[in-house]
Amino acid sequence: MADVQNALRECARELLENGTVDLVIGWENTRDPDKTRVAFIRRPEDATRLVWDARCVASTAKYLLDERYPEKKRALCLRGCDARAVQRLLSDHQLERESVYLIGIHCPGVD
């Protein structure tokens, strides 16, 4: 799982550094060691805040519609269940495919 987390951090850092995206939406640790929260990463050096493990249960897809995050190009870390939500947003024309970069992550414990 640490390999996936390191790859996620590297991918986010590269996407922000080269200007492919302005914002990466993923998960980060909280003060409670049993929980994570949705993270909004705008600077390459902040990509180290991203985590990936079984505690990452909050859906990230809904934040693509949040007007508090007006960045034009966003990257979204998503699990299979979040991918279905993004597909629905696309098919309902609530989201333009060109405005989002999808980073798919295999769920822990799923083969």
C-alpha atoms as a PDB file:
ATOM      1  CA  MET A   1       0.000   0.000   0.000  1.00  0.00           C
ATOM      2  CA  ALA A   2       2.941   2.329   0.637  1.00  0.00           C
ATOM      3  CA  ASP A   3       3.938   1.900  -3.023  1.00  0.00           C
ATOM      4  CA  VAL A   4       0.510   3.124  -4.148  1.00  0.00           C
ATOM      5  CA  GLN A   5       0.681   6.078  -1.771  1.00  0.00           C
ATOM      6  CA  ASN A   6       4.165   7.043  -3.004  1.00  0.00           C
ATOM      7  CA  ALA A   7       3.053   6.747  -6.638  1.00  0.00           C
ATOM      8  CA  LEU A   8      -0.007   8.897  -5.879  1.00  0.00           C
ATOM      9  CA  ARG A   9       2.144  11.589  -4.282  1.00  0.00           C
ATOM     10  CA  GLU A  10       4.606  11.563  -7.180  1.00  0.00           C
ATOM     11  CA  CYS A  11       1.816  11.743  -9.756  1.00  0.00           C
ATOM     12  CA  ALA A  12       0.182  14.675  -7.963  1.00  0.00           C
ATOM     13  CA  ARG A  13       3.487  16.499  -7.629  1.00  0.00           C
ATOM     14  CA  GLU A  14       4.276  16.082 -11.333  1.00  0.00           C
ATOM     15  CA  LEU A  15       0.796  17.170 -12.457  1.00  0.00           C
ATOM     16  CA  LEU A  16       1.030  20.353 -10.383  1.00  0.00           C
ATOM     17  CA  GLU A  17       4.657  21.088 -11.324  1.00  0.00           C
ATOM     18  CA  ASN A  18       4.118  20.861 -15.060  1.00  0.00           C
ATOM     19  CA  GLY A  19       0.824  22.785 -14.954  1.00  0.00           C
ATOM     20  CA  THR A  20      -1.350  19.930 -16.174  1.00  0.00           C
ATOM     21  CA  VAL A  21      -3.715  20.666 -13.262  1.00  0.00           C
ATOM     22  CA  ASP A  22      -4.244  23.480 -10.755  1.00  0.00           C
ATOM     23  CA  LEU A  23      -5.696  21.327  -7.985  1.00  0.00           C
ATOM     24  CA  VAL A  24      -5.445  17.697  -6.850  1.00  0.00           C
ATOM     25  CA  ILE A  25      -8.290  16.291  -4.753  1.00  0.00           C
ATOM     26  CA  GLY A  26      -7.368  13.283  -2.621  1.00  0.00           C
ATOM     27  CA  TRP A  27      -7.118  12.336   1.067  1.00  0.00           C
ATOM     28  CA  GLU A  28      -4.925  13.410   3.973  1.00  0.00           C
ATOM     29  CA  ASN A  29      -4.454  12.432   7.603  1.00  0.00           C
ATOM     30  CA  THR A  30      -6.326  14.112  10.444  1.00  0.00           C
ATOM     31  CA  ARG A  31      -5.447  14.454  14.122  1.00  0.00           C
ATOM     32  CA  ASP A  32      -7.466  11.301  14.711  1.00  0.00           C
ATOM     33  CA  PRO A  33      -5.195   8.405  13.650  1.00  0.00           C
ATOM     34  CA  ASP A  34      -8.251   6.369  12.610  1.00  0.00           C
ATOM     35  CA  LYS A  35      -9.572   8.912  10.091  1.00  0.00           C
ATOM     36  CA  THR A  36      -8.690  10.809   6.942  1.00  0.00           C
ATOM     37  CA  ARG A  37     -10.340  13.760   5.233  1.00  0.00           C
ATOM     38  CA  VAL A  38     -10.525  15.063   1.707  1.00  0.00           C
ATOM     39  CA  ALA A  39      -7.419  17.083   0.787  1.00  0.00           C
ATOM     40  CA  PHE A  40      -7.125  19.918  -1.713  1.00  0.00           C
ATOM     41  CA  ILE A  41      -3.547  20.168  -2.954  1.00  0.00           C
ATOM     42  CA  ARG A  42      -2.528  23.243  -4.966  1.00  0.00           C
ATOM     43  CA  ARG A  43       1.266  23.270  -4.579  1.00  0.00           C
ATOM     44  CA  PRO A  44       3.655  20.486  -5.675  1.00  0.00           C
ATOM     45  CA  GLU A  45       5.415  20.468  -2.304  1.00  0.00           C
ATOM     46  CA  ASP A  46       2.085  19.739  -0.558  1.00  0.00           C
ATOM     47  CA  ALA A  47       1.639  16.463  -2.453  1.00  0.00           C
ATOM     48  CA  THR A  48       3.382  14.732   0.469  1.00  0.00           C
ATOM     49  CA  ARG A  49       0.178  15.311   2.489  1.00  0.00           C
ATOM     50  CA  LEU A  50      -1.696  12.791   0.325  1.00  0.00           C
ATOM     51  CA  VAL A  51      -2.356   9.389   1.851  1.00  0.00           C
ATOM     52  CA  TRP A  52      -3.867   6.163   0.594  1.00  0.00           C
ATOM     53  CA  ASP A  53      -5.053   3.310   2.796  1.00  0.00           C
ATOM     54  CA  ALA A  54      -8.227   1.640   4.049  1.00  0.00           C
ATOM     55  CA  ARG A  55      -9.183   4.778   6.006  1.00  0.00           C
ATOM     56  CA  CYS A  56      -9.780   6.758   2.779  1.00  0.00           C
ATOM     57  CA  VAL A  57     -13.522   6.297   2.594  1.00  0.00           C
ATOM     58  CA  ALA A  58     -14.853   9.792   1.803  1.00  0.00           C
ATOM     59  CA  SER A  59     -16.034  10.236  -1.772  1.00  0.00           C
ATOM     60  CA  THR A  60     -13.979  12.733  -3.737  1.00  0.00           C
ATOM     61  CA  ALA A  61     -16.258  12.987  -6.786  1.00  0.00           C
ATOM     62  CA  LYS A  62     -18.736  15.425  -5.266  1.00  0.00           C
ATOM     63  CA  TYR A  63     -16.036  18.088  -4.939  1.00  0.00           C
ATOM     64  CA  LEU A  64     -15.845  18.400  -8.712  1.00  0.00           C
ATOM     65  CA  LEU A  65     -19.117  20.345  -8.542  1.00  0.00           C
ATOM     66  CA  ASP A  66     -18.160  22.505  -5.556  1.00  0.00           C
ATOM     67  CA  GLU A  67     -17.936  26.146  -6.598  1.00  0.00           C
ATOM     68  CA  ARG A  68     -15.519  26.892  -3.758  1.00  0.00           C
ATOM     69  CA  TYR A  69     -12.856  25.214  -5.889  1.00  0.00           C
ATOM     70  CA  PRO A  70     -12.988  27.124  -9.200  1.00  0.00           C
ATOM     71  CA  GLU A  71      -9.704  25.819 -10.587  1.00  0.00           C
ATOM     72  CA  LYS A  72     -10.088  25.127 -14.286  1.00  0.00           C
ATOM     73  CA  LYS A  73      -8.122  21.855 -14.376  1.00  0.00           C
ATOM     74  CA  ARG A  74      -8.485  19.470 -11.464  1.00  0.00           C
ATOM     75  CA  ALA A  75      -7.051  16.043 -10.776  1.00  0.00           C
ATOM     76  CA  LEU A  76      -9.197  13.651  -8.806  1.00  0.00           C
ATOM     77  CA  CYS A  77      -7.925  10.637  -6.879  1.00  0.00           C
ATOM     78  CA  LEU A  78     -10.692   8.098  -7.087  1.00  0.00           C
ATOM     79  CA  ARG A  79     -11.663   4.536  -6.287  1.00  0.00           C
ATOM     80  CA  GLY A  80     -13.908   2.388  -8.459  1.00  0.00           C
ATOM     81  CA  CYS A  81     -17.051   3.516  -6.646  1.00  0.00           C
ATOM     82  CA  ASP A  82     -16.072   7.173  -7.164  1.00  0.00           C
ATOM     83  CA  ALA A  83     -15.476   6.481 -10.854  1.00  0.00           C
ATOM     84  CA  ARG A  84     -19.133   5.554 -11.252  1.00  0.00           C
ATOM     85  CA  ALA A  85     -20.128   8.907  -9.739  1.00  0.00           C
ATOM     86  CA  VAL A  86     -17.810  10.785 -12.114  1.00  0.00           C
ATOM     87  CA  GLN A  87     -19.240   8.859 -15.076  1.00  0.00           C
ATOM     88  CA  ARG A  88     -22.725   9.946 -14.019  1.00  0.00           C
ATOM     89  CA  LEU A  89     -21.637  13.587 -13.736  1.00  0.00           C
ATOM     90  CA  LEU A  90     -20.214  13.371 -17.249  1.00  0.00           C
ATOM     91  CA  SER A  91     -23.296  11.702 -18.735  1.00  0.00           C
ATOM     92  CA  ASP A  92     -25.550  14.301 -17.082  1.00  0.00           C
ATOM     93  CA  HIS A  93     -23.383  17.089 -18.569  1.00  0.00           C
ATOM     94  CA  GLN A  94     -22.586  18.491 -15.119  1.00  0.00           C
ATOM     95  CA  LEU A  95     -18.883  18.162 -15.793  1.00  0.00           C
ATOM     96  CA  GLU A  96     -16.684  18.625 -18.860  1.00  0.00           C
ATOM     97  CA  ARG A  97     -14.318  15.695 -19.406  1.00  0.00           C
ATOM     98  CA  GLU A  98     -11.499  18.027 -20.445  1.00  0.00           C
ATOM     99  CA  SER A  99     -11.618  19.778 -17.052  1.00  0.00           C
ATOM    100  CA  VAL A 100     -10.686  16.773 -14.936  1.00  0.00           C
ATOM    101  CA  TYR A 101      -7.672  14.439 -14.786  1.00  0.00           C
ATOM    102  CA  LEU A 102      -8.566  11.122 -13.171  1.00  0.00           C
ATOM    103  CA  ILE A 103      -6.098   9.224 -10.986  1.00  0.00           C
ATOM    104  CA  GLY A 104      -7.553   5.755 -10.442  1.00  0.00           C
ATOM    105  CA  ILE A 105      -6.579   3.861  -7.311  1.00  0.00           C
ATOM    106  CA  HIS A 106      -7.162   0.185  -6.556  1.00  0.00           C
ATOM    107  CA  CYS A 107      -9.143  -0.236  -3.324  1.00  0.00           C
ATOM    108  CA  PRO A 108      -7.291  -1.940  -0.466  1.00  0.00           C
ATOM    109  CA  GLY A 109      -8.334  -5.542   0.043  1.00  0.00           C
ATOM    110  CA  VAL A 110     -10.004  -5.817  -3.375  1.00  0.00           C
ATOM    111  CA  ASP A 111      -8.478  -8.228  -5.897  1.00  0.00           C
END
